[in-house]
Full PDB file with SEQRES, HELIX, SHEET, SSBOND, CRYST1, ORIGX, SCALE, CONECT and MASTER records, all heavy atoms in Angstrom:
SEQRES   1 A   39  ALA VAL LYS PRO MET ASN CYS PRO GLY HIS ILE LEU LEU          
SEQRES   2 A   39  TYR ARG GLU GLY VAL LYS SER TYR ARG ASP LEU PRO LEU          
SEQRES   3 A   39  ARG TYR CYS GLU LEU GLY LEU VAL HIS ARG HIS GLU LEU          
HELIX    1 AA1 CYS A    7  TYR A   14  1                                   8    
HELIX    2 AA2 TYR A   21  ASP A   23  5                                   3    
CRYST1    1.000    1.000    1.000  90.00  90.00  90.00 P 1           1          
ORIGX1      1.000000  0.000000  0.000000        0.00000                         
ORIGX2      0.000000  1.000000  0.000000        0.00000                         
ORIGX3      0.000000  0.000000  1.000000        0.00000                         
SCALE1      1.000000  0.000000  0.000000        0.00000                         
SCALE2      0.000000  1.000000  0.000000        0.00000                         
SCALE3      0.000000  0.000000  1.000000        0.00000                         
ATOM      1  N   ALA A   1      55.915 -76.472  54.001  1.00  0.00           N  
ATOM      2  CA  ALA A   1      56.420 -76.921  52.701  1.00  0.00           C  
ATOM      3  C   ALA A   1      57.832 -76.397  52.497  1.00  0.00           C  
ATOM      4  O   ALA A   1      58.166 -75.286  52.938  1.00  0.00           O  
ATOM      5  CB  ALA A   1      55.518 -76.433  51.575  1.00  0.00           C  
ATOM      6  N   VAL A   2      58.647 -77.211  51.860  1.00  0.00           N  
ATOM      7  CA  VAL A   2      59.992 -76.780  51.445  1.00  0.00           C  
ATOM      8  C   VAL A   2      59.815 -75.917  50.201  1.00  0.00           C  
ATOM      9  O   VAL A   2      59.130 -76.308  49.257  1.00  0.00           O  
ATOM     10  CB  VAL A   2      60.880 -77.994  51.129  1.00  0.00           C  
ATOM     11  CG1 VAL A   2      62.276 -77.545  50.736  1.00  0.00           C  
ATOM     12  CG2 VAL A   2      60.938 -78.928  52.333  1.00  0.00           C  
ATOM     13  N   LYS A   3      60.417 -74.746  50.191  1.00  0.00           N  
ATOM     14  CA  LYS A   3      60.104 -73.794  49.125  1.00  0.00           C  
ATOM     15  C   LYS A   3      60.588 -74.280  47.759  1.00  0.00           C  
ATOM     16  O   LYS A   3      61.731 -74.709  47.599  1.00  0.00           O  
ATOM     17  CB  LYS A   3      60.688 -72.407  49.437  1.00  0.00           C  
ATOM     18  CG  LYS A   3      62.209 -72.297  49.416  1.00  0.00           C  
ATOM     19  CD  LYS A   3      62.634 -70.853  49.665  1.00  0.00           C  
ATOM     20  CE  LYS A   3      64.152 -70.714  49.661  1.00  0.00           C  
ATOM     21  NZ  LYS A   3      64.595 -69.339  49.922  1.00  0.00           N  
ATOM     22  N   PRO A   4      59.707 -74.206  46.739  1.00  0.00           N  
ATOM     23  CA  PRO A   4      60.117 -74.458  45.365  1.00  0.00           C  
ATOM     24  C   PRO A   4      60.521 -73.169  44.664  1.00  0.00           C  
ATOM     25  O   PRO A   4      61.092 -73.197  43.576  1.00  0.00           O  
ATOM     26  CB  PRO A   4      58.847 -75.037  44.734  1.00  0.00           C  
ATOM     27  CG  PRO A   4      57.740 -74.316  45.439  1.00  0.00           C  
ATOM     28  CD  PRO A   4      58.237 -74.059  46.851  1.00  0.00           C  
ATOM     29  N   MET A   5      60.181 -72.034  45.262  1.00  0.00           N  
ATOM     30  CA  MET A   5      60.469 -70.709  44.708  1.00  0.00           C  
ATOM     31  C   MET A   5      60.711 -69.749  45.858  1.00  0.00           C  
ATOM     32  O   MET A   5      60.318 -70.017  46.997  1.00  0.00           O  
ATOM     33  CB  MET A   5      59.311 -70.212  43.837  1.00  0.00           C  
ATOM     34  CG  MET A   5      59.008 -71.099  42.644  1.00  0.00           C  
ATOM     35  SD  MET A   5      57.597 -70.497  41.692  1.00  0.00           S  
ATOM     36  CE  MET A   5      57.405 -71.817  40.507  1.00  0.00           C  
ATOM     37  N   ASN A   6      61.307 -68.621  45.565  1.00  0.00           N  
ATOM     38  CA  ASN A   6      61.665 -67.651  46.598  1.00  0.00           C  
ATOM     39  C   ASN A   6      60.661 -66.517  46.759  1.00  0.00           C  
ATOM     40  O   ASN A   6      60.724 -65.782  47.748  1.00  0.00           O  
ATOM     41  CB  ASN A   6      63.038 -67.044  46.275  1.00  0.00           C  
ATOM     42  CG  ASN A   6      64.138 -68.079  46.271  1.00  0.00           C  
ATOM     43  OD1 ASN A   6      64.332 -68.801  47.236  1.00  0.00           O  
ATOM     44  ND2 ASN A   6      64.874 -68.163  45.164  1.00  0.00           N  
ATOM     45  N   CYS A   7      59.743 -66.370  45.795  1.00  0.00           N  
ATOM     46  CA  CYS A   7      58.934 -65.147  45.780  1.00  0.00           C  
ATOM     47  C   CYS A   7      58.090 -64.916  47.040  1.00  0.00           C  
ATOM     48  O   CYS A   7      58.043 -63.777  47.533  1.00  0.00           O  
ATOM     49  CB  CYS A   7      58.067 -65.076  44.521  1.00  0.00           C  
ATOM     50  SG  CYS A   7      57.517 -66.628  43.854  1.00  0.00           S  
ATOM     51  N   PRO A   8      57.414 -65.928  47.623  1.00  0.00           N  
ATOM     52  CA  PRO A   8      56.623 -65.620  48.827  1.00  0.00           C  
ATOM     53  C   PRO A   8      57.461 -65.097  49.984  1.00  0.00           C  
ATOM     54  O   PRO A   8      57.009 -64.223  50.740  1.00  0.00           O  
ATOM     55  CB  PRO A   8      55.970 -66.968  49.161  1.00  0.00           C  
ATOM     56  CG  PRO A   8      55.889 -67.681  47.855  1.00  0.00           C  
ATOM     57  CD  PRO A   8      57.171 -67.311  47.153  1.00  0.00           C  
ATOM     58  N   GLY A   9      58.696 -65.608  50.131  1.00  0.00           N  
ATOM     59  CA  GLY A   9      59.567 -65.102  51.179  1.00  0.00           C  
ATOM     60  C   GLY A   9      59.937 -63.651  50.963  1.00  0.00           C  
ATOM     61  O   GLY A   9      60.023 -62.851  51.914  1.00  0.00           O  
ATOM     62  N   HIS A  10      60.160 -63.259  49.697  1.00  0.00           N  
ATOM     63  CA  HIS A  10      60.491 -61.868  49.390  1.00  0.00           C  
ATOM     64  C   HIS A  10      59.293 -60.957  49.674  1.00  0.00           C  
ATOM     65  O   HIS A  10      59.457 -59.809  50.103  1.00  0.00           O  
ATOM     66  CB  HIS A  10      60.919 -61.751  47.930  1.00  0.00           C  
ATOM     67  CG  HIS A  10      62.236 -62.426  47.650  1.00  0.00           C  
ATOM     68  ND1 HIS A  10      63.017 -62.117  46.550  1.00  0.00           N  
ATOM     69  CD2 HIS A  10      62.920 -63.380  48.319  1.00  0.00           C  
ATOM     70  CE1 HIS A  10      64.119 -62.860  46.574  1.00  0.00           C  
ATOM     71  NE2 HIS A  10      64.056 -63.647  47.631  1.00  0.00           N  
ATOM     72  N   ILE A  11      58.099 -61.496  49.434  1.00  0.00           N  
ATOM     73  CA  ILE A  11      56.887 -60.720  49.733  1.00  0.00           C  
ATOM     74  C   ILE A  11      56.783 -60.444  51.231  1.00  0.00           C  
ATOM     75  O   ILE A  11      56.438 -59.329  51.654  1.00  0.00           O  
ATOM     76  CB  ILE A  11      55.650 -61.475  49.219  1.00  0.00           C  
ATOM     77  CG1 ILE A  11      55.606 -61.401  47.688  1.00  0.00           C  
ATOM     78  CG2 ILE A  11      54.367 -60.920  49.818  1.00  0.00           C  
ATOM     79  CD1 ILE A  11      54.549 -62.279  47.062  1.00  0.00           C  
ATOM     80  N   LEU A  12      57.095 -61.447  52.052  1.00  0.00           N  
ATOM     81  CA  LEU A  12      57.038 -61.239  53.504  1.00  0.00           C  
ATOM     82  C   LEU A  12      58.009 -60.151  53.941  1.00  0.00           C  
ATOM     83  O   LEU A  12      57.703 -59.342  54.837  1.00  0.00           O  
ATOM     84  CB  LEU A  12      57.340 -62.550  54.237  1.00  0.00           C  
ATOM     85  CG  LEU A  12      56.319 -63.684  54.070  1.00  0.00           C  
ATOM     86  CD1 LEU A  12      56.732 -64.900  54.885  1.00  0.00           C  
ATOM     87  CD2 LEU A  12      54.912 -63.225  54.475  1.00  0.00           C  
ATOM     88  N   LEU A  13      59.191 -60.100  53.321  1.00  0.00           N  
ATOM     89  CA  LEU A  13      60.144 -59.041  53.659  1.00  0.00           C  
ATOM     90  C   LEU A  13      59.626 -57.675  53.224  1.00  0.00           C  
ATOM     91  O   LEU A  13      59.815 -56.676  53.926  1.00  0.00           O  
ATOM     92  CB  LEU A  13      61.493 -59.320  52.996  1.00  0.00           C  
ATOM     93  CG  LEU A  13      62.444 -60.247  53.748  1.00  0.00           C  
ATOM     94  CD1 LEU A  13      63.782 -60.308  53.038  1.00  0.00           C  
ATOM     95  CD2 LEU A  13      62.650 -59.783  55.179  1.00  0.00           C  
ATOM     96  N   TYR A  14      58.993 -57.617  52.046  1.00  0.00           N  
ATOM     97  CA  TYR A  14      58.451 -56.336  51.585  1.00  0.00           C  
ATOM     98  C   TYR A  14      57.433 -55.793  52.592  1.00  0.00           C  
ATOM     99  O   TYR A  14      57.348 -54.573  52.802  1.00  0.00           O  
ATOM    100  CB  TYR A  14      57.778 -56.511  50.214  1.00  0.00           C  
ATOM    101  CG  TYR A  14      57.170 -55.227  49.694  1.00  0.00           C  
ATOM    102  CD1 TYR A  14      57.927 -54.330  48.949  1.00  0.00           C  
ATOM    103  CD2 TYR A  14      55.843 -54.889  49.985  1.00  0.00           C  
ATOM    104  CE1 TYR A  14      57.375 -53.141  48.494  1.00  0.00           C  
ATOM    105  CE2 TYR A  14      55.280 -53.703  49.534  1.00  0.00           C  
ATOM    106  CZ  TYR A  14      56.056 -52.826  48.793  1.00  0.00           C  
ATOM    107  OH  TYR A  14      55.509 -51.645  48.342  1.00  0.00           O  
ATOM    108  N   ARG A  15      56.684 -56.681  53.220  1.00  0.00           N  
ATOM    109  CA  ARG A  15      55.628 -56.242  54.138  1.00  0.00           C  
ATOM    110  C   ARG A  15      56.172 -55.742  55.477  1.00  0.00           C  
ATOM    111  O   ARG A  15      55.412 -55.253  56.314  1.00  0.00           O  
ATOM    112  CB  ARG A  15      54.651 -57.401  54.382  1.00  0.00           C  
ATOM    113  CG  ARG A  15      53.883 -57.785  53.125  1.00  0.00           C  
ATOM    114  CD  ARG A  15      53.049 -59.033  53.331  1.00  0.00           C  
ATOM    115  NE  ARG A  15      51.966 -58.807  54.271  1.00  0.00           N  
ATOM    116  CZ  ARG A  15      51.133 -59.763  54.685  1.00  0.00           C  
ATOM    117  NH1 ARG A  15      51.301 -60.998  54.256  1.00  0.00           N  
ATOM    118  NH2 ARG A  15      50.175 -59.487  55.526  1.00  0.00           N  
ATOM    119  N   GLU A  16      57.497 -55.858  55.676  1.00  0.00           N  
ATOM    120  CA  GLU A  16      58.113 -55.328  56.895  1.00  0.00           C  
ATOM    121  C   GLU A  16      58.181 -53.798  56.792  1.00  0.00           C  
ATOM    122  O   GLU A  16      58.989 -53.252  56.045  1.00  0.00           O  
ATOM    123  CB  GLU A  16      59.519 -55.894  57.067  1.00  0.00           C  
ATOM    124  CG  GLU A  16      59.552 -57.345  57.509  1.00  0.00           C  
ATOM    125  CD  GLU A  16      59.122 -57.501  58.954  1.00  0.00           C  
ATOM    126  OE1 GLU A  16      59.720 -56.846  59.827  1.00  0.00           O  
ATOM    127  OE2 GLU A  16      58.171 -58.270  59.207  1.00  0.00           O  
ATOM    128  N   GLY A  17      57.325 -53.105  57.495  1.00  0.00           N  
ATOM    129  CA  GLY A  17      57.353 -51.640  57.494  1.00  0.00           C  
ATOM    130  C   GLY A  17      56.565 -51.057  56.338  1.00  0.00           C  
ATOM    131  O   GLY A  17      56.287 -51.714  55.333  1.00  0.00           O  
ATOM    132  N   VAL A  18      56.208 -49.797  56.465  1.00  0.00           N  
ATOM    133  CA  VAL A  18      55.438 -49.086  55.437  1.00  0.00           C  
ATOM    134  C   VAL A  18      56.386 -48.622  54.335  1.00  0.00           C  
ATOM    135  O   VAL A  18      57.460 -48.076  54.609  1.00  0.00           O  
ATOM    136  CB  VAL A  18      54.692 -47.880  56.046  1.00  0.00           C  
ATOM    137  CG1 VAL A  18      53.951 -47.099  54.972  1.00  0.00           C  
ATOM    138  CG2 VAL A  18      53.725 -48.352  57.137  1.00  0.00           C  
ATOM    139  N   LYS A  19      55.983 -48.813  53.095  1.00  0.00           N  
ATOM    140  CA  LYS A  19      56.799 -48.402  51.944  1.00  0.00           C  
ATOM    141  C   LYS A  19      56.179 -47.161  51.306  1.00  0.00           C  
ATOM    142  O   LYS A  19      54.950 -47.046  51.174  1.00  0.00           O  
ATOM    143  CB  LYS A  19      56.885 -49.523  50.909  1.00  0.00           C  
ATOM    144  CG  LYS A  19      57.475 -50.834  51.444  1.00  0.00           C  
ATOM    145  CD  LYS A  19      58.927 -50.681  51.850  1.00  0.00           C  
ATOM    146  CE  LYS A  19      59.557 -52.006  52.229  1.00  0.00           C  
ATOM    147  NZ  LYS A  19      58.972 -52.630  53.438  1.00  0.00           N  
ATOM    148  N   SER A  20      57.059 -46.248  50.918  1.00  0.00           N  
ATOM    149  CA  SER A  20      56.640 -45.042  50.223  1.00  0.00           C  
ATOM    150  C   SER A  20      56.954 -45.180  48.730  1.00  0.00           C  
ATOM    151  O   SER A  20      57.778 -46.017  48.338  1.00  0.00           O  
ATOM    152  CB  SER A  20      57.385 -43.836  50.801  1.00  0.00           C  
ATOM    153  OG  SER A  20      57.380 -42.751  49.898  1.00  0.00           O  
ATOM    154  N   TYR A  21      56.320 -44.349  47.929  1.00  0.00           N  
ATOM    155  CA  TYR A  21      56.620 -44.346  46.493  1.00  0.00           C  
ATOM    156  C   TYR A  21      58.084 -44.006  46.259  1.00  0.00           C  
ATOM    157  O   TYR A  21      58.674 -44.394  45.246  1.00  0.00           O  
ATOM    158  CB  TYR A  21      55.700 -43.363  45.760  1.00  0.00           C  
ATOM    159  CG  TYR A  21      55.993 -41.902  46.027  1.00  0.00           C  
ATOM    160  CD1 TYR A  21      56.780 -41.148  45.143  1.00  0.00           C  
ATOM    161  CD2 TYR A  21      55.493 -41.259  47.162  1.00  0.00           C  
ATOM    162  CE1 TYR A  21      57.050 -39.813  45.383  1.00  0.00           C  
ATOM    163  CE2 TYR A  21      55.751 -39.927  47.406  1.00  0.00           C  
ATOM    164  CZ  TYR A  21      56.531 -39.198  46.514  1.00  0.00           C  
ATOM    165  OH  TYR A  21      56.787 -37.878  46.751  1.00  0.00           O  
ATOM    166  N   ARG A  22      58.718 -43.298  47.221  1.00  0.00           N  
ATOM    167  CA  ARG A  22      60.141 -42.956  47.083  1.00  0.00           C  
ATOM    168  C   ARG A  22      61.035 -44.178  47.285  1.00  0.00           C  
ATOM    169  O   ARG A  22      62.194 -44.179  46.859  1.00  0.00           O  
ATOM    170  CB  ARG A  22      60.527 -41.871  48.097  1.00  0.00           C  
ATOM    171  CG  ARG A  22      59.893 -40.515  47.840  1.00  0.00           C  
ATOM    172  CD  ARG A  22      60.508 -39.462  48.739  1.00  0.00           C  
ATOM    173  NE  ARG A  22      59.920 -38.147  48.543  1.00  0.00           N  
ATOM    174  CZ  ARG A  22      58.883 -37.678  49.207  1.00  0.00           C  
ATOM    175  NH1 ARG A  22      58.312 -38.434  50.149  1.00  0.00           N  
ATOM    176  NH2 ARG A  22      58.402 -36.471  48.967  1.00  0.00           N  
ATOM    177  N   ASP A  23      60.520 -45.227  47.959  1.00  0.00           N  
ATOM    178  CA  ASP A  23      61.302 -46.453  48.191  1.00  0.00           C  
ATOM    179  C   ASP A  23      61.361 -47.344  46.954  1.00  0.00           C  
ATOM    180  O   ASP A  23      62.146 -48.297  46.904  1.00  0.00           O  
ATOM    181  CB  ASP A  23      60.695 -47.271  49.349  1.00  0.00           C  
ATOM    182  CG  ASP A  23      60.727 -46.516  50.665  1.00  0.00           C  
ATOM    183  OD1 ASP A  23      61.762 -45.872  50.943  1.00  0.00           O  
ATOM    184  OD2 ASP A  23      59.726 -46.569  51.408  1.00  0.00           O  
ATOM    185  N   LEU A  24      60.504 -47.076  45.998  1.00  0.00           N  
ATOM    186  CA  LEU A  24      60.402 -47.932  44.822  1.00  0.00           C  
ATOM    187  C   LEU A  24      61.149 -47.317  43.641  1.00  0.00           C  
ATOM    188  O   LEU A  24      61.174 -46.094  43.480  1.00  0.00           O  
ATOM    189  CB  LEU A  24      58.929 -48.146  44.468  1.00  0.00           C  
ATOM    190  CG  LEU A  24      58.040 -48.685  45.599  1.00  0.00           C  
ATOM    191  CD1 LEU A  24      56.634 -48.958  45.092  1.00  0.00           C  
ATOM    192  CD2 LEU A  24      58.624 -49.939  46.223  1.00  0.00           C  
ATOM    193  N   PRO A  25      61.771 -48.144  42.817  1.00  0.00           N  
ATOM    194  CA  PRO A  25      61.753 -49.609  42.856  1.00  0.00           C  
ATOM    195  C   PRO A  25      62.625 -50.155  43.977  1.00  0.00           C  
ATOM    196  O   PRO A  25      63.693 -49.639  44.263  1.00  0.00           O  
ATOM    197  CB  PRO A  25      62.325 -50.009  41.494  1.00  0.00           C  
ATOM    198  CG  PRO A  25      63.243 -48.875  41.132  1.00  0.00           C  
ATOM    199  CD  PRO A  25      62.572 -47.637  41.664  1.00  0.00           C  
ATOM    200  N   LEU A  26      62.147 -51.221  44.597  1.00  0.00           N  
ATOM    201  CA  LEU A  26      62.882 -51.957  45.623  1.00  0.00           C  
ATOM    202  C   LEU A  26      63.322 -53.274  44.991  1.00  0.00           C  
ATOM    203  O   LEU A  26      62.489 -54.069  44.560  1.00  0.00           O  
ATOM    204  CB  LEU A  26      61.984 -52.212  46.832  1.00  0.00           C  
ATOM    205  CG  LEU A  26      62.594 -52.942  48.026  1.00  0.00           C  
ATOM    206  CD1 LEU A  26      63.762 -52.148  48.598  1.00  0.00           C  
ATOM    207  CD2 LEU A  26      61.537 -53.182  49.088  1.00  0.00           C  
ATOM    208  N   ARG A  27      64.643 -53.496  44.924  1.00  0.00           N  
ATOM    209  CA  ARG A  27      65.170 -54.656  44.206  1.00  0.00           C  
ATOM    210  C   ARG A  27      65.813 -55.629  45.194  1.00  0.00           C  
ATOM    211  O   ARG A  27      66.921 -55.402  45.664  1.00  0.00           O  
ATOM    212  CB  ARG A  27      66.200 -54.211  43.155  1.00  0.00           C  
ATOM    213  CG  ARG A  27      65.692 -53.143  42.197  1.00  0.00           C  
ATOM    214  CD  ARG A  27      66.744 -52.791  41.145  1.00  0.00           C  
ATOM    215  NE  ARG A  27      66.326 -51.666  40.322  1.00  0.00           N  
ATOM    216  CZ  ARG A  27      66.794 -50.429  40.452  1.00  0.00           C  
ATOM    217  NH1 ARG A  27      67.736 -50.174  41.370  1.00  0.00           N  
ATOM    218  NH2 ARG A  27      66.362 -49.468  39.665  1.00  0.00           N  
ATOM    219  N   TYR A  28      65.099 -56.708  45.513  1.00  0.00           N  
ATOM    220  CA  TYR A  28      65.634 -57.770  46.355  1.00  0.00           C  
ATOM    221  C   TYR A  28      66.207 -58.878  45.466  1.00  0.00           C  
ATOM    222  O   TYR A  28      65.590 -59.268  44.477  1.00  0.00           O  
ATOM    223  CB  TYR A  28      64.535 -58.398  47.213  1.00  0.00           C  
ATOM    224  CG  TYR A  28      64.054 -57.570  48.378  1.00  0.00           C  
ATOM    225  CD1 TYR A  28      62.744 -57.685  48.826  1.00  0.00           C  
ATOM    226  CD2 TYR A  28      64.897 -56.697  49.053  1.00  0.00           C  
ATOM    227  CE1 TYR A  28      62.280 -56.950  49.904  1.00  0.00           C  
ATOM    228  CE2 TYR A  28      64.454 -55.953  50.130  1.00  0.00           C  
ATOM    229  CZ  TYR A  28      63.141 -56.079  50.548  1.00  0.00           C  
ATOM    230  OH  TYR A  28      62.693 -55.346  51.621  1.00  0.00           O  
ATOM    231  N   CYS A  29      67.387 -59.401  45.840  1.00  0.00           N  
ATOM    232  CA  CYS A  29      67.946 -60.545  45.106  1.00  0.00           C  
ATOM    233  C   CYS A  29      68.412 -61.588  46.109  1.00  0.00           C  
ATOM    234  O   CYS A  29      68.753 -61.272  47.246  1.00  0.00           O  
ATOM    235  CB  CYS A  29      69.093 -60.116  44.187  1.00  0.00           C  
ATOM    236  SG  CYS A  29      70.546 -59.448  45.020  1.00  0.00           S  
ATOM    237  N   GLU A  30      68.398 -62.854  45.683  1.00  0.00           N  
ATOM    238  CA  GLU A  30      68.752 -63.946  46.582  1.00  0.00           C  
ATOM    239  C   GLU A  30      69.294 -65.120  45.783  1.00  0.00           C  
ATOM    240  O   GLU A  30      68.752 -65.480  44.739  1.00  0.00           O  
ATOM    241  CB  GLU A  30      67.524 -64.413  47.378  1.00  0.00           C  
ATOM    242  CG  GLU A  30      67.838 -65.596  48.290  1.00  0.00           C  
ATOM    243  CD  GLU A  30      66.657 -66.042  49.135  1.00  0.00           C  
ATOM    244  OE1 GLU A  30      65.521 -65.612  48.862  1.00  0.00           O  
ATOM    245  OE2 GLU A  30      66.889 -66.818  50.072  1.00  0.00           O  
ATOM    246  N   LEU A  31      70.369 -65.707  46.293  1.00  0.00           N  
ATOM    247  CA  LEU A  31      70.833 -67.004  45.822  1.00  0.00           C  
ATOM    248  C   LEU A  31      70.174 -68.029  46.734  1.00  0.00           C  
ATOM    249  O   LEU A  31      70.734 -68.444  47.744  1.00  0.00           O  
ATOM    250  CB  LEU A  31      72.360 -67.085  45.880  1.00  0.00           C  
ATOM    251  CG  LEU A  31      73.081 -66.135  44.913  1.00  0.00           C  
ATOM    252  CD1 LEU A  31      74.556 -66.031  45.256  1.00  0.00           C  
ATOM    253  CD2 LEU A  31      72.905 -66.601  43.470  1.00  0.00           C  
ATOM    254  N   GLY A  32      68.947 -68.388  46.396  1.00  0.00           N  
ATOM    255  CA  GLY A  32      68.098 -69.152  47.290  1.00  0.00           C  
ATOM    256  C   GLY A  32      68.028 -70.626  46.931  1.00  0.00           C  
ATOM    257  O   GLY A  32      67.734 -70.980  45.788  1.00  0.00           O  
ATOM    258  N   LEU A  33      68.286 -71.475  47.911  1.00  0.00           N  
ATOM    259  CA  LEU A  33      68.187 -72.914  47.717  1.00  0.00           C  
ATOM    260  C   LEU A  33      66.717 -73.316  47.677  1.00  0.00           C  
ATOM    261  O   LEU A  33      65.970 -73.051  48.610  1.00  0.00           O  
ATOM    262  CB  LEU A  33      68.898 -73.664  48.849  1.00  0.00           C  
ATOM    263  CG  LEU A  33      68.843 -75.194  48.785  1.00  0.00           C  
ATOM    264  CD1 LEU A  33      69.523 -75.718  47.532  1.00  0.00           C  
ATOM    265  CD2 LEU A  33      69.468 -75.803  50.040  1.00  0.00           C  
ATOM    266  N   VAL A  34      66.296 -73.950  46.574  1.00  0.00           N  
ATOM    267  CA  VAL A  34      64.914 -74.401  46.428  1.00  0.00           C  
ATOM    268  C   VAL A  34      64.906 -75.894  46.108  1.00  0.00           C  
ATOM    269  O   VAL A  34      65.898 -76.456  45.642  1.00  0.00           O  
ATOM    270  CB  VAL A  34      64.168 -73.617  45.326  1.00  0.00           C  
ATOM    271  CG1 VAL A  34      64.106 -72.140  45.662  1.00  0.00           C  
ATOM    272  CG2 VAL A  34      64.813 -73.828  43.959  1.00  0.00           C  
ATOM    273  N   HIS A  35      63.772 -76.529  46.379  1.00  0.00           N  
ATOM    274  CA  HIS A  35      63.602 -77.963  46.124  1.00  0.00           C  
ATOM    275  C   HIS A  35      62.335 -78.163  45.301  1.00  0.00           C  
ATOM    276  O   HIS A  35      61.285 -77.596  45.625  1.00  0.00           O  
ATOM    277  CB  HIS A  35      63.476 -78.742  47.434  1.00  0.00           C  
ATOM    278  CG  HIS A  35      64.744 -78.783  48.228  1.00  0.00           C  
ATOM    279  ND1 HIS A  35      65.237 -77.675  48.890  1.00  0.00           N  
ATOM    280  CD2 HIS A  35      65.613 -79.803  48.463  1.00  0.00           C  
ATOM    281  CE1 HIS A  35      66.364 -78.017  49.516  1.00  0.00           C  
ATOM    282  NE2 HIS A  35      66.607 -79.294  49.270  1.00  0.00           N  
ATOM    283  N   ARG A  36      62.451 -78.969  44.263  1.00  0.00           N  
ATOM    284  CA  ARG A  36      61.291 -79.303  43.442  1.00  0.00           C  
ATOM    285  C   ARG A  36      61.298 -80.802  43.167  1.00  0.00           C  
ATOM    286  O   ARG A  36      62.331 -81.360  42.814  1.00  0.00           O  
ATOM    287  CB  ARG A  36      61.311 -78.527  42.122  1.00  0.00           C  
ATOM    288  CG  ARG A  36      61.231 -77.026  42.311  1.00  0.00           C  
ATOM    289  CD  ARG A  36      61.236 -76.263  41.013  1.00  0.00           C  
ATOM    290  NE  ARG A  36      61.272 -74.831  41.254  1.00  0.00           N  
ATOM    291  CZ  ARG A  36      61.359 -73.906  40.298  1.00  0.00           C  
ATOM    292  NH1 ARG A  36      61.410 -74.287  39.028  1.00  0.00           N  
ATOM    293  NH2 ARG A  36      61.393 -72.621  40.609  1.00  0.00           N  
ATOM    294  N   HIS A  37      60.137 -81.413  43.337  1.00  0.00           N  
ATOM    295  CA  HIS A  37      60.048 -82.855  43.119  1.00  0.00           C  
ATOM    296  C   HIS A  37      60.027 -83.137  41.619  1.00  0.00           C  
ATOM    297  O   HIS A  37      59.102 -82.746  40.909  1.00  0.00           O  
ATOM    298  CB  HIS A  37      58.803 -83.431  43.767  1.00  0.00           C  
ATOM    299  CG  HIS A  37      58.641 -84.898  43.510  1.00  0.00           C  
ATOM    300  ND1 HIS A  37      59.578 -85.823  43.932  1.00  0.00           N  
ATOM    301  CD2 HIS A  37      57.696 -85.595  42.851  1.00  0.00           C  
ATOM    302  CE1 HIS A  37      59.200 -87.024  43.542  1.00  0.00           C  
ATOM    303  NE2 HIS A  37      58.063 -86.914  42.891  1.00  0.00           N  
ATOM    304  N   GLU A  38      61.060 -83.804  41.141  1.00  0.00           N  
ATOM    305  CA  GLU A  38      61.148 -84.225  39.741  1.00  0.00           C  
ATOM    306  C   GLU A  38      61.074 -85.745  39.707  1.00  0.00           C  
ATOM    307  O   GLU A  38      61.638 -86.429  40.568  1.00  0.00           O  
ATOM    308  CB  GLU A  38      62.465 -83.760  39.117  1.00  0.00           C  
ATOM    309  CG  GLU A  38      62.671 -82.256  39.099  1.00  0.00           C  
ATOM    310  CD  GLU A  38      61.889 -81.559  37.990  1.00  0.00           C  
ATOM    311  OE1 GLU A  38      61.122 -82.246  37.279  1.00  0.00           O  
ATOM    312  OE2 GLU A  38      62.040 -80.340  37.840  1.00  0.00           O  
ATOM    313  N   LEU A  39      60.414 -86.293  38.702  1.00  0.00           N  
ATOM    314  CA  LEU A  39      60.362 -87.736  38.541  1.00  0.00           C  
ATOM    315  C   LEU A  39      61.764 -88.270  38.284  1.00  0.00           C  
ATOM    316  O   LEU A  39      62.572 -87.625  37.611  1.00  0.00           O  
ATOM    317  CB  LEU A  39      59.424 -88.114  37.395  1.00  0.00           C  
ATOM    318  CG  LEU A  39      57.946 -87.754  37.607  1.00  0.00           C  
ATOM    319  CD1 LEU A  39      57.158 -87.997  36.327  1.00  0.00           C  
ATOM    320  CD2 LEU A  39      57.355 -88.540  38.758  1.00  0.00           C  
TER     321      LEU A  39                                                      
MASTER        0    0    0    2    0    0    0    6  320    1    0    3          
END                                                                             
Protein backbone atom coordinates (compact mmCIF):
# COMPACT_ATOMS: atom_id res chain seq x y z
CA ALA A 1 0.00 0.00 0.00
CA VAL A 2 1.07 3.58 -0.66
CA LYS A 3 1.29 5.18 2.76
CA PRO A 4 -1.53 7.53 3.81
CA MET A 5 0.34 8.30 7.06
CA ASN A 6 3.90 8.13 8.33
CA CYS A 7 3.40 6.57 11.75
CA PRO A 8 3.95 2.85 10.91
CA GLY A 9 7.27 3.69 9.25
CA HIS A 10 8.39 5.61 12.34
CA ILE A 11 7.44 2.61 14.47
CA LEU A 12 9.69 0.36 12.37
CA LEU A 13 12.60 2.74 12.97
CA TYR A 14 11.91 2.77 16.72
CA ARG A 15 12.21 -1.02 16.74
CA GLU A 16 15.78 -0.79 15.40
CA GLY A 17 17.87 -1.66 18.46
CA VAL A 18 17.00 -1.81 22.16
CA LYS A 19 15.79 1.45 23.72
CA SER A 20 16.49 2.49 27.29
CA TYR A 21 14.43 4.82 29.47
CA ARG A 22 17.38 7.23 29.06
CA ASP A 23 16.72 7.36 25.28
CA LEU A 24 13.23 8.73 25.83
CA PRO A 25 11.69 10.97 24.79
CA LEU A 26 12.74 10.06 21.25
CA ARG A 27 11.45 12.67 18.79
CA TYR A 28 11.33 11.61 15.13
CA CYS A 29 10.11 14.13 12.52
CA GLU A 30 9.56 13.76 8.79
CA LEU A 31 8.39 15.78 5.82
CA GLY A 32 6.76 12.68 4.43
CA LEU A 33 4.96 12.39 1.11
CA VAL A 34 1.62 10.61 1.64
CA HIS A 35 -1.25 9.69 -0.69
CA ARG A 36 -4.92 9.53 0.21
CA HIS A 37 -7.77 8.68 -2.13
CA GLU A 38 -10.19 11.61 -2.22
CA LEU A 39 -13.35 11.67 -4.31
